[in-house]
N, C-alpha and C. Protein backbone atom coordinates (compact mmCIF):
# COMPACT_ATOMS: atom_id res chain seq x y z
N PHE A 1 0.80 -1.18 0.14
CA PHE A 1 -0.22 0.14 -0.13
C PHE A 1 1.10 1.23 0.05
N VAL A 2 1.97 1.11 0.74
CA VAL A 2 2.57 2.52 0.85
C VAL A 2 3.73 2.46 -0.35
N GLU A 3 3.90 1.72 -0.95
CA GLU A 3 4.75 1.63 -2.25
C GLU A 3 3.66 2.15 -3.36
N MET A 4 2.55 1.60 -3.28
CA MET A 4 1.52 2.15 -4.47
C MET A 4 1.46 3.68 -4.13
N LEU A 5 1.16 4.32 -2.82
CA LEU A 5 0.88 5.65 -2.66
C LEU A 5 1.93 6.30 -3.09
N ASP A 6 3.28 5.99 -2.86
CA ASP A 6 4.49 6.75 -3.37
C ASP A 6 4.57 6.62 -4.76
N ALA A 7 4.41 5.78 -5.47
CA ALA A 7 4.40 5.49 -6.89
C ALA A 7 3.37 6.11 -7.79
N ASN A 8 2.14 6.13 -7.33
CA ASN A 8 1.20 6.89 -8.00
C ASN A 8 1.32 8.41 -7.93
N ALA A 9 1.78 8.91 -6.98
CA ALA A 9 1.95 10.29 -6.74
C ALA A 9 3.36 10.76 -7.36
N GLY A 10 4.04 10.03 -7.80
CA GLY A 10 5.41 10.36 -8.59
C GLY A 10 6.48 10.79 -7.32
N ARG A 11 6.17 10.38 -6.29
CA ARG A 11 7.28 10.66 -5.23
C ARG A 11 8.31 9.33 -5.25
N ASN A 12 9.76 9.85 -4.87
CA ASN A 12 10.67 8.99 -4.99
C ASN A 12 11.26 8.73 -3.79
N PRO A 13 11.28 7.21 -3.09
CA PRO A 13 11.58 6.99 -1.81
C PRO A 13 12.94 7.34 -1.46
N LEU A 14 13.36 7.57 -0.31
CA LEU A 14 14.60 8.12 0.04
C LEU A 14 15.38 6.66 0.65
N ILE A 15 14.55 5.76 0.95
CA ILE A 15 15.16 4.24 1.29
C ILE A 15 14.58 3.48 0.37
N PRO A 16 15.44 2.04 0.17
CA PRO A 16 15.05 1.43 -0.85
C PRO A 16 13.80 0.40 -0.35
N LYS A 17 13.88 0.04 0.91
CA LYS A 17 12.90 -1.06 1.29
C LYS A 17 11.87 -0.29 2.30
N ILE A 18 10.51 -0.80 2.37
CA ILE A 18 9.71 -0.39 3.40
C ILE A 18 9.90 -0.74 4.66
N ILE A 19 9.81 0.06 5.67
CA ILE A 19 10.05 -0.37 7.09
C ILE A 19 8.52 -0.96 7.44
N PHE A 20 8.75 -2.40 7.75
CA PHE A 20 7.42 -2.73 8.34
C PHE A 20 7.65 -3.22 9.99
N VAL A 21 6.63 -2.95 10.63
CA VAL A 21 6.68 -3.09 12.08
C VAL A 21 5.47 -3.84 12.24
N GLU A 22 5.73 -4.88 13.24
CA GLU A 22 4.50 -5.80 13.63
C GLU A 22 4.84 -6.34 15.15
N GLY A 23 3.80 -6.27 15.95
CA GLY A 23 3.70 -6.78 17.24
C GLY A 23 2.56 -6.75 17.82
N LYS A 24 2.27 -7.58 19.05
CA LYS A 24 1.15 -7.56 19.73
C LYS A 24 1.55 -7.52 21.23
N ASP A 25 0.74 -6.61 21.85
CA ASP A 25 0.72 -6.58 23.46
C ASP A 25 -0.07 -7.88 24.14
N GLU A 26 0.59 -8.52 24.85
CA GLU A 26 -0.28 -9.64 25.24
C GLU A 26 -1.18 -9.18 26.26
N THR A 27 -0.66 -8.10 27.24
CA THR A 27 -1.67 -7.68 28.50
C THR A 27 -2.93 -7.19 27.79
N THR A 28 -2.87 -6.24 26.85
CA THR A 28 -4.12 -5.39 26.22
C THR A 28 -4.50 -6.36 25.10
N ASN A 29 -3.88 -7.09 24.63
CA ASN A 29 -4.11 -7.90 23.29
C ASN A 29 -4.27 -7.10 22.18
N VAL A 30 -3.66 -5.94 22.01
CA VAL A 30 -3.69 -5.09 21.03
C VAL A 30 -2.48 -5.52 19.95
N ALA A 31 -2.95 -5.68 18.67
CA ALA A 31 -2.09 -6.24 17.77
C ALA A 31 -1.59 -4.71 16.85
N VAL A 32 -0.51 -4.66 16.46
CA VAL A 32 -0.05 -3.24 15.60
C VAL A 32 0.79 -3.81 14.33
N GLU A 33 0.35 -3.04 13.37
CA GLU A 33 0.99 -3.22 12.08
C GLU A 33 1.23 -1.82 11.42
N VAL A 34 2.62 -1.49 11.28
CA VAL A 34 2.89 -0.24 10.60
C VAL A 34 3.82 -0.37 9.24
N ALA A 35 3.60 -0.10 8.30
CA ALA A 35 4.32 0.17 7.22
C ALA A 35 4.71 1.60 6.94
N LEU A 36 5.94 1.87 6.74
CA LEU A 36 6.46 3.34 6.49
C LEU A 36 7.78 3.66 5.46
N ASN A 37 7.61 4.55 4.97
CA ASN A 37 8.67 4.92 3.99
C ASN A 37 9.06 6.41 3.91
N TYR A 38 9.95 7.02 3.60
CA TYR A 38 10.25 8.23 3.51
C TYR A 38 10.42 8.62 1.88
N ASN A 39 9.93 9.88 1.32
CA ASN A 39 10.10 10.07 -0.04
C ASN A 39 10.82 11.50 -0.15
N ASP A 40 10.80 11.88 -1.33
CA ASP A 40 11.40 13.24 -1.45
C ASP A 40 10.41 14.40 -1.60
N SER A 41 9.13 14.18 -1.05
CA SER A 41 8.09 15.27 -1.18
C SER A 41 8.13 16.04 0.33
N TYR A 42 7.30 16.99 0.54
CA TYR A 42 7.30 17.90 1.64
C TYR A 42 5.96 17.65 2.43
N SER A 43 5.36 16.84 2.17
CA SER A 43 4.00 16.44 2.90
C SER A 43 3.99 15.09 3.61
N GLU A 44 3.21 14.93 4.68
CA GLU A 44 3.18 13.71 5.41
C GLU A 44 1.73 13.07 4.85
N HIS A 45 1.90 11.86 4.62
CA HIS A 45 0.66 10.80 4.32
C HIS A 45 0.65 9.65 5.38
N ILE A 46 -0.13 9.87 6.27
CA ILE A 46 -0.61 8.80 7.26
C ILE A 46 -2.03 8.53 7.18
N TYR A 47 -1.99 7.24 7.15
CA TYR A 47 -3.49 6.53 6.93
C TYR A 47 -3.59 5.74 8.00
N SER A 48 -4.53 5.58 8.78
CA SER A 48 -4.75 4.84 9.96
C SER A 48 -6.01 4.08 9.99
N TYR A 49 -6.00 2.93 10.65
CA TYR A 49 -6.93 1.91 10.68
C TYR A 49 -7.05 1.43 12.04
N VAL A 50 -8.45 1.08 12.55
CA VAL A 50 -8.57 0.38 13.69
C VAL A 50 -9.63 -0.57 13.36
N ASN A 51 -9.02 -2.06 13.47
CA ASN A 51 -9.93 -3.19 13.18
C ASN A 51 -10.69 -2.97 11.69
N ASN A 52 -9.73 -2.70 11.02
CA ASN A 52 -9.68 -2.29 9.36
C ASN A 52 -11.08 -0.99 9.14
N ILE A 53 -11.16 -0.27 10.13
CA ILE A 53 -12.04 0.92 10.07
C ILE A 53 -11.03 2.02 9.80
N ASN A 54 -11.25 2.69 8.75
CA ASN A 54 -10.55 3.93 8.22
C ASN A 54 -10.75 5.10 9.49
N THR A 55 -9.64 5.40 10.15
CA THR A 55 -9.72 6.56 11.22
C THR A 55 -9.24 7.79 10.80
N ILE A 56 -10.20 8.44 10.02
CA ILE A 56 -9.31 9.70 9.20
C ILE A 56 -9.04 10.75 10.04
N GLU A 57 -9.74 10.82 11.49
CA GLU A 57 -9.14 11.86 12.33
C GLU A 57 -8.08 11.24 13.19
N GLY A 58 -7.60 10.29 13.13
CA GLY A 58 -6.28 9.40 13.73
C GLY A 58 -6.90 9.07 15.21
N GLY A 59 -6.36 9.47 16.15
CA GLY A 59 -6.50 9.03 17.49
C GLY A 59 -5.28 8.61 18.26
N THR A 60 -5.37 7.84 19.33
CA THR A 60 -4.22 7.42 20.18
C THR A 60 -3.36 6.69 19.46
N HIS A 61 -3.62 5.71 18.49
CA HIS A 61 -2.80 5.18 17.78
C HIS A 61 -1.66 5.81 17.01
N VAL A 62 -2.34 7.02 16.27
CA VAL A 62 -1.56 7.86 15.43
C VAL A 62 -0.44 8.60 16.42
N SER A 63 -1.11 9.05 17.59
CA SER A 63 -0.30 9.72 18.46
C SER A 63 0.87 8.91 19.11
N GLY A 64 0.59 7.71 19.35
CA GLY A 64 1.88 6.73 19.75
C GLY A 64 2.88 6.54 18.88
N PHE A 65 2.40 6.46 17.61
CA PHE A 65 3.22 6.42 16.22
C PHE A 65 4.08 7.62 15.99
N ARG A 66 3.54 8.86 16.13
CA ARG A 66 4.20 10.03 16.06
C ARG A 66 5.32 10.24 17.25
N ARG A 67 4.83 9.97 18.46
CA ARG A 67 5.68 9.89 19.65
C ARG A 67 6.83 9.15 19.25
N ALA A 68 6.68 7.87 18.83
CA ALA A 68 7.82 7.04 18.81
C ALA A 68 8.74 7.42 17.69
N LEU A 69 8.38 7.99 16.52
CA LEU A 69 8.95 8.33 15.33
C LEU A 69 9.97 9.47 15.93
N THR A 70 9.18 10.50 16.43
CA THR A 70 10.03 11.49 16.78
C THR A 70 11.16 11.28 17.74
N ARG A 71 10.74 10.50 18.82
CA ARG A 71 11.73 10.16 19.73
C ARG A 71 12.98 9.05 19.31
N VAL A 72 12.76 8.26 18.61
CA VAL A 72 13.75 7.20 17.96
C VAL A 72 14.65 8.17 17.06
N PHE A 73 14.30 8.95 15.95
CA PHE A 73 14.94 9.64 15.15
C PHE A 73 15.76 10.71 15.86
N LYS A 74 15.17 11.41 16.99
CA LYS A 74 15.84 12.50 17.68
C LYS A 74 17.06 11.97 18.46
N SER A 75 16.61 10.74 19.21
CA SER A 75 17.72 10.14 19.93
C SER A 75 18.85 9.74 19.01
N TYR A 76 18.54 9.14 17.85
CA TYR A 76 19.74 8.43 17.08
C TYR A 76 20.41 9.83 16.63
N GLY A 77 19.98 10.87 15.99
CA GLY A 77 20.52 12.05 15.53
C GLY A 77 21.41 12.49 16.42
N ASP A 78 20.87 12.43 17.72
CA ASP A 78 21.65 13.26 18.71
C ASP A 78 22.98 12.37 19.19
N ARG A 79 22.60 11.07 19.19
CA ARG A 79 23.65 10.03 19.66
C ARG A 79 24.76 10.13 18.55
N GLU A 80 24.25 10.33 17.33
CA GLU A 80 25.38 10.08 16.03
C GLU A 80 25.98 11.71 15.91
N GLY A 81 25.63 12.70 16.59
CA GLY A 81 26.04 14.03 16.34
C GLY A 81 25.60 14.65 15.05
N MET A 82 24.59 14.34 14.35
CA MET A 82 23.78 14.65 13.03
C MET A 82 23.19 15.97 13.18
N PHE A 83 22.88 16.55 14.39
CA PHE A 83 22.12 17.70 14.80
C PHE A 83 22.87 18.87 14.92
N ASP A 84 24.28 18.42 15.35
CA ASP A 84 25.07 19.46 15.87
C ASP A 84 25.41 20.56 14.89
N LYS A 85 25.46 20.13 13.50
CA LYS A 85 25.72 21.01 12.66
C LYS A 85 24.66 21.83 11.75
N ALA A 86 23.43 21.33 12.35
CA ALA A 86 22.14 21.95 11.73
C ALA A 86 21.92 23.39 12.02
N LYS A 87 22.17 23.88 13.18
CA LYS A 87 22.26 25.28 13.61
C LYS A 87 20.64 25.52 13.66
N VAL A 88 19.67 24.76 13.72
CA VAL A 88 18.41 24.94 13.87
C VAL A 88 17.54 24.13 14.76
N GLU A 89 16.69 24.57 15.39
CA GLU A 89 15.72 23.68 16.31
C GLU A 89 14.90 22.59 15.58
N ILE A 90 15.21 21.30 15.97
CA ILE A 90 14.55 20.35 15.26
C ILE A 90 13.04 20.14 15.91
N GLU A 91 11.92 20.10 15.15
CA GLU A 91 10.69 19.85 15.86
C GLU A 91 10.05 18.52 15.24
N GLY A 92 8.98 18.25 15.99
CA GLY A 92 8.41 17.03 15.69
C GLY A 92 7.86 16.82 14.12
N ASP A 93 7.29 17.81 13.75
CA ASP A 93 6.86 17.95 12.52
C ASP A 93 7.95 17.76 11.28
N ASP A 94 9.09 18.22 11.57
CA ASP A 94 10.33 17.82 10.72
C ASP A 94 10.47 16.39 10.57
N PHE A 95 10.31 15.64 11.40
CA PHE A 95 10.51 14.19 11.35
C PHE A 95 9.29 13.35 10.65
N ARG A 96 8.32 14.16 10.12
CA ARG A 96 7.07 13.71 9.41
C ARG A 96 7.34 14.15 7.97
N GLU A 97 8.12 15.01 7.68
CA GLU A 97 7.97 15.54 6.42
C GLU A 97 8.51 14.43 5.45
N GLY A 98 7.72 14.22 4.05
CA GLY A 98 8.11 13.18 3.33
C GLY A 98 7.89 11.83 3.73
N LEU A 99 7.02 11.69 4.65
CA LEU A 99 6.80 10.43 5.42
C LEU A 99 5.49 10.02 4.58
N SER A 100 5.52 8.64 4.28
CA SER A 100 4.28 7.86 3.93
C SER A 100 4.19 6.59 4.90
N ALA A 101 3.20 6.45 5.51
CA ALA A 101 3.01 5.40 6.58
C ALA A 101 1.45 5.00 6.64
N ILE A 102 1.43 3.75 7.01
CA ILE A 102 -0.06 3.21 7.22
C ILE A 102 0.10 2.47 8.55
N ILE A 103 -0.89 2.79 9.67
CA ILE A 103 -0.88 2.29 10.70
C ILE A 103 -2.09 1.49 10.92
N SER A 104 -1.97 0.28 11.35
CA SER A 104 -3.09 -0.74 11.57
C SER A 104 -3.07 -1.08 12.84
N VAL A 105 -4.30 -1.09 13.70
CA VAL A 105 -4.22 -1.77 15.06
C VAL A 105 -5.41 -2.63 15.04
N LYS A 106 -5.35 -3.71 15.72
CA LYS A 106 -6.47 -4.54 16.10
C LYS A 106 -6.58 -4.45 17.57
N VAL A 107 -7.93 -3.82 18.02
CA VAL A 107 -8.27 -3.56 19.36
C VAL A 107 -9.41 -4.30 19.67
N PRO A 108 -9.35 -5.30 20.86
CA PRO A 108 -10.55 -5.93 21.13
C PRO A 108 -11.88 -5.13 21.58
N GLU A 109 -11.68 -4.09 22.29
CA GLU A 109 -12.88 -3.31 22.52
C GLU A 109 -12.54 -1.82 22.20
N PRO A 110 -12.54 -1.45 20.94
CA PRO A 110 -12.15 0.03 20.53
C PRO A 110 -13.39 0.95 21.13
N GLN A 111 -12.72 2.17 21.61
CA GLN A 111 -13.56 3.13 21.99
C GLN A 111 -13.34 4.36 20.96
N PHE A 112 -14.39 4.55 20.35
CA PHE A 112 -14.21 5.64 19.19
C PHE A 112 -14.79 6.79 19.83
N GLU A 113 -14.20 8.40 19.21
CA GLU A 113 -14.88 9.43 19.58
C GLU A 113 -15.89 9.77 18.67
N GLY A 114 -17.19 10.04 19.11
CA GLY A 114 -18.29 10.24 18.16
C GLY A 114 -18.65 9.20 17.47
N GLN A 115 -19.63 9.33 16.63
CA GLN A 115 -20.65 8.27 16.21
C GLN A 115 -19.93 7.90 14.98
N THR A 116 -19.15 8.66 14.16
CA THR A 116 -18.63 8.27 12.81
C THR A 116 -17.55 7.49 12.91
N LYS A 117 -16.88 7.06 14.07
CA LYS A 117 -15.95 6.07 14.37
C LYS A 117 -14.76 6.51 13.49
N THR A 118 -14.34 7.94 13.46
CA THR A 118 -13.13 8.58 12.81
C THR A 118 -11.97 8.76 13.67
N LYS A 119 -12.02 8.46 14.98
CA LYS A 119 -11.08 8.64 15.88
C LYS A 119 -10.90 7.94 17.07
N LEU A 120 -9.87 7.13 17.40
CA LEU A 120 -9.73 6.12 18.47
C LEU A 120 -9.37 6.93 19.47
N GLY A 121 -10.01 6.38 20.76
CA GLY A 121 -9.91 7.09 22.05
C GLY A 121 -9.38 6.25 23.13
N ASN A 122 -9.06 5.07 22.75
CA ASN A 122 -8.36 4.06 23.81
C ASN A 122 -6.92 4.50 24.00
N SER A 123 -6.86 4.88 25.52
CA SER A 123 -5.41 5.40 25.68
C SER A 123 -4.50 4.42 25.89
N GLU A 124 -4.81 3.18 26.33
CA GLU A 124 -3.58 2.12 26.16
C GLU A 124 -3.09 1.98 24.82
N VAL A 125 -3.79 2.08 24.08
CA VAL A 125 -3.46 1.94 22.60
C VAL A 125 -2.07 2.76 22.36
N MET A 126 -2.00 3.92 22.71
CA MET A 126 -0.73 4.92 22.45
C MET A 126 0.47 4.30 22.77
N GLY A 127 0.35 3.90 24.21
CA GLY A 127 1.68 3.24 24.72
C GLY A 127 2.06 1.90 24.01
N VAL A 128 1.12 1.07 23.58
CA VAL A 128 1.40 -0.12 22.82
C VAL A 128 1.96 0.12 21.48
N VAL A 129 1.59 1.13 20.79
CA VAL A 129 1.95 1.48 19.35
C VAL A 129 3.27 1.99 19.45
N ASP A 130 3.57 2.92 20.67
CA ASP A 130 4.71 3.69 20.75
C ASP A 130 6.00 2.59 21.09
N SER A 131 5.67 1.71 21.99
CA SER A 131 6.73 0.75 22.15
C SER A 131 7.10 -0.16 21.05
N THR A 132 5.97 -0.45 20.50
CA THR A 132 6.27 -1.51 19.14
C THR A 132 7.01 -0.97 18.21
N VAL A 133 6.73 0.39 17.61
CA VAL A 133 7.34 0.92 16.84
C VAL A 133 8.68 1.34 17.22
N SER A 134 8.97 1.83 18.39
CA SER A 134 10.30 2.29 18.97
C SER A 134 11.22 1.07 18.68
N LYS A 135 10.81 -0.07 19.29
CA LYS A 135 11.85 -1.15 18.97
C LYS A 135 12.34 -1.64 17.89
N VAL A 136 11.19 -1.77 16.92
CA VAL A 136 11.60 -1.95 15.72
C VAL A 136 12.49 -0.91 14.71
N LEU A 137 12.09 0.13 14.90
CA LEU A 137 12.63 1.57 14.41
C LEU A 137 14.22 1.62 14.81
N GLU A 138 14.29 1.42 16.20
CA GLU A 138 15.65 1.78 16.62
C GLU A 138 16.62 0.67 16.01
N ALA A 139 16.06 -0.72 15.98
CA ALA A 139 16.83 -1.94 15.38
C ALA A 139 17.00 -1.45 14.08
N HIS A 140 15.95 -1.19 13.14
CA HIS A 140 16.36 -0.94 11.74
C HIS A 140 17.36 0.33 11.61
N LEU A 141 17.42 1.44 12.38
CA LEU A 141 18.36 2.36 12.20
C LEU A 141 19.67 2.11 12.49
N GLU A 142 19.84 1.15 13.54
CA GLU A 142 21.21 0.80 13.78
C GLU A 142 21.83 -0.27 12.70
N GLU A 143 20.86 -1.04 12.00
CA GLU A 143 21.32 -2.01 11.19
C GLU A 143 21.51 -1.48 9.67
N ASN A 144 20.94 -0.06 9.41
CA ASN A 144 20.99 0.38 8.22
C ASN A 144 21.36 1.96 8.40
N PRO A 145 22.63 2.39 8.81
CA PRO A 145 23.02 3.50 9.28
C PRO A 145 22.64 4.58 7.86
N ARG A 146 23.14 4.05 6.77
CA ARG A 146 22.92 4.77 5.38
C ARG A 146 21.53 5.21 5.27
N GLU A 147 20.42 4.61 5.40
CA GLU A 147 19.09 4.91 5.21
C GLU A 147 18.88 6.03 6.39
N ALA A 148 19.34 5.83 7.88
CA ALA A 148 19.21 6.71 8.80
C ALA A 148 19.77 7.98 8.35
N LYS A 149 20.67 8.04 7.88
CA LYS A 149 21.42 9.20 7.66
C LYS A 149 20.69 10.25 6.41
N ASN A 150 20.17 9.29 5.25
CA ASN A 150 19.34 9.92 4.38
C ASN A 150 17.86 10.73 4.94
N ILE A 151 17.61 9.86 5.98
CA ILE A 151 16.37 10.39 6.76
C ILE A 151 16.60 11.69 7.60
N ILE A 152 17.62 11.37 8.22
CA ILE A 152 18.14 12.66 9.29
C ILE A 152 18.22 13.85 8.45
N ASN A 153 18.99 13.49 7.23
CA ASN A 153 19.58 14.76 6.40
C ASN A 153 18.10 15.40 5.91
N LYS A 154 17.19 14.59 5.55
CA LYS A 154 15.86 15.11 4.90
C LYS A 154 15.26 16.14 6.27
N VAL A 155 15.43 15.43 7.42
CA VAL A 155 14.76 16.16 8.56
C VAL A 155 15.58 17.30 8.81
N ILE A 156 16.69 17.45 8.84
CA ILE A 156 17.52 18.74 8.91
C ILE A 156 16.97 19.93 7.91
N LEU A 157 16.89 19.26 6.60
CA LEU A 157 16.47 20.32 5.53
C LEU A 157 15.37 21.07 5.72
N ALA A 158 14.21 19.92 6.40
CA ALA A 158 12.85 20.39 6.64
C ALA A 158 12.91 21.59 7.67
N ALA A 159 13.90 21.34 8.70
CA ALA A 159 13.97 22.28 9.79
C ALA A 159 14.51 23.68 9.27
N GLN A 160 15.43 23.53 8.60
CA GLN A 160 16.17 24.59 7.88
C GLN A 160 15.21 25.54 6.99
N ALA A 161 14.38 24.81 6.16
CA ALA A 161 13.46 25.29 5.28
C ALA A 161 12.28 26.12 6.21
N ARG A 162 11.96 25.47 7.13
CA ARG A 162 11.05 26.01 7.96
C ARG A 162 11.53 27.26 8.89
N ALA A 163 12.79 27.27 9.21
CA ALA A 163 13.37 28.41 9.99
C ALA A 163 13.53 29.48 8.81
N ALA A 164 13.85 29.30 7.77
CA ALA A 164 14.12 30.36 6.80
C ALA A 164 12.68 31.03 6.43
N ALA A 165 11.54 30.11 6.30
CA ALA A 165 10.43 30.66 6.01
C ALA A 165 9.95 31.50 7.29
N ARG A 166 10.18 31.12 8.36
CA ARG A 166 9.88 32.09 9.34
C ARG A 166 10.42 33.35 9.44
N LYS A 167 11.89 33.26 9.25
CA LYS A 167 12.67 34.63 9.12
C LYS A 167 12.00 35.34 7.93
N ALA A 168 11.75 34.74 7.17
CA ALA A 168 11.23 35.65 5.98
C ALA A 168 10.08 36.31 6.26
N ARG A 169 8.95 35.49 6.95
CA ARG A 169 7.83 36.12 7.35
C ARG A 169 8.06 37.39 8.27
N GLU A 170 8.99 36.99 9.35
CA GLU A 170 9.03 38.30 10.12
C GLU A 170 9.74 39.61 9.68
N LEU A 171 10.56 39.51 8.39
CA LEU A 171 11.00 40.38 7.77
C LEU A 171 9.93 41.21 6.89
């Protein structure tokens, strides 16, 4: 699905293979599947599902994913000294620029906000998605330092562009 999204929109991937995350928390019985890739575009494309229901407004599973993504890339970049030369403040949005991702969770008793089932409200799902994505993403970055460098360089460019745009508006 992620490959199709990028190919149909004419975006070129920054990394050769899709990063796939899969896991299940035995205490909550929540299953998590995430597929993600980075491309050369400047927008974020995240599609989320709960028990195969499209949650277009996101919810706790998307929040957990974003939190894990930001934390893992930030700690990796700091550890490798990649942000030292950037001279700009890196924000959470910078880590999602050029991201295409599909987040799918299976929740035994989903609690949706509103009647249209467009936003998940189960608070325990955030932690499950966060920990599952963090484990796999940390391992992937350690095993593929070239891919990690490509993504972090894209993040730095996004932060620099955002800072330049803010400076231009102020002038």
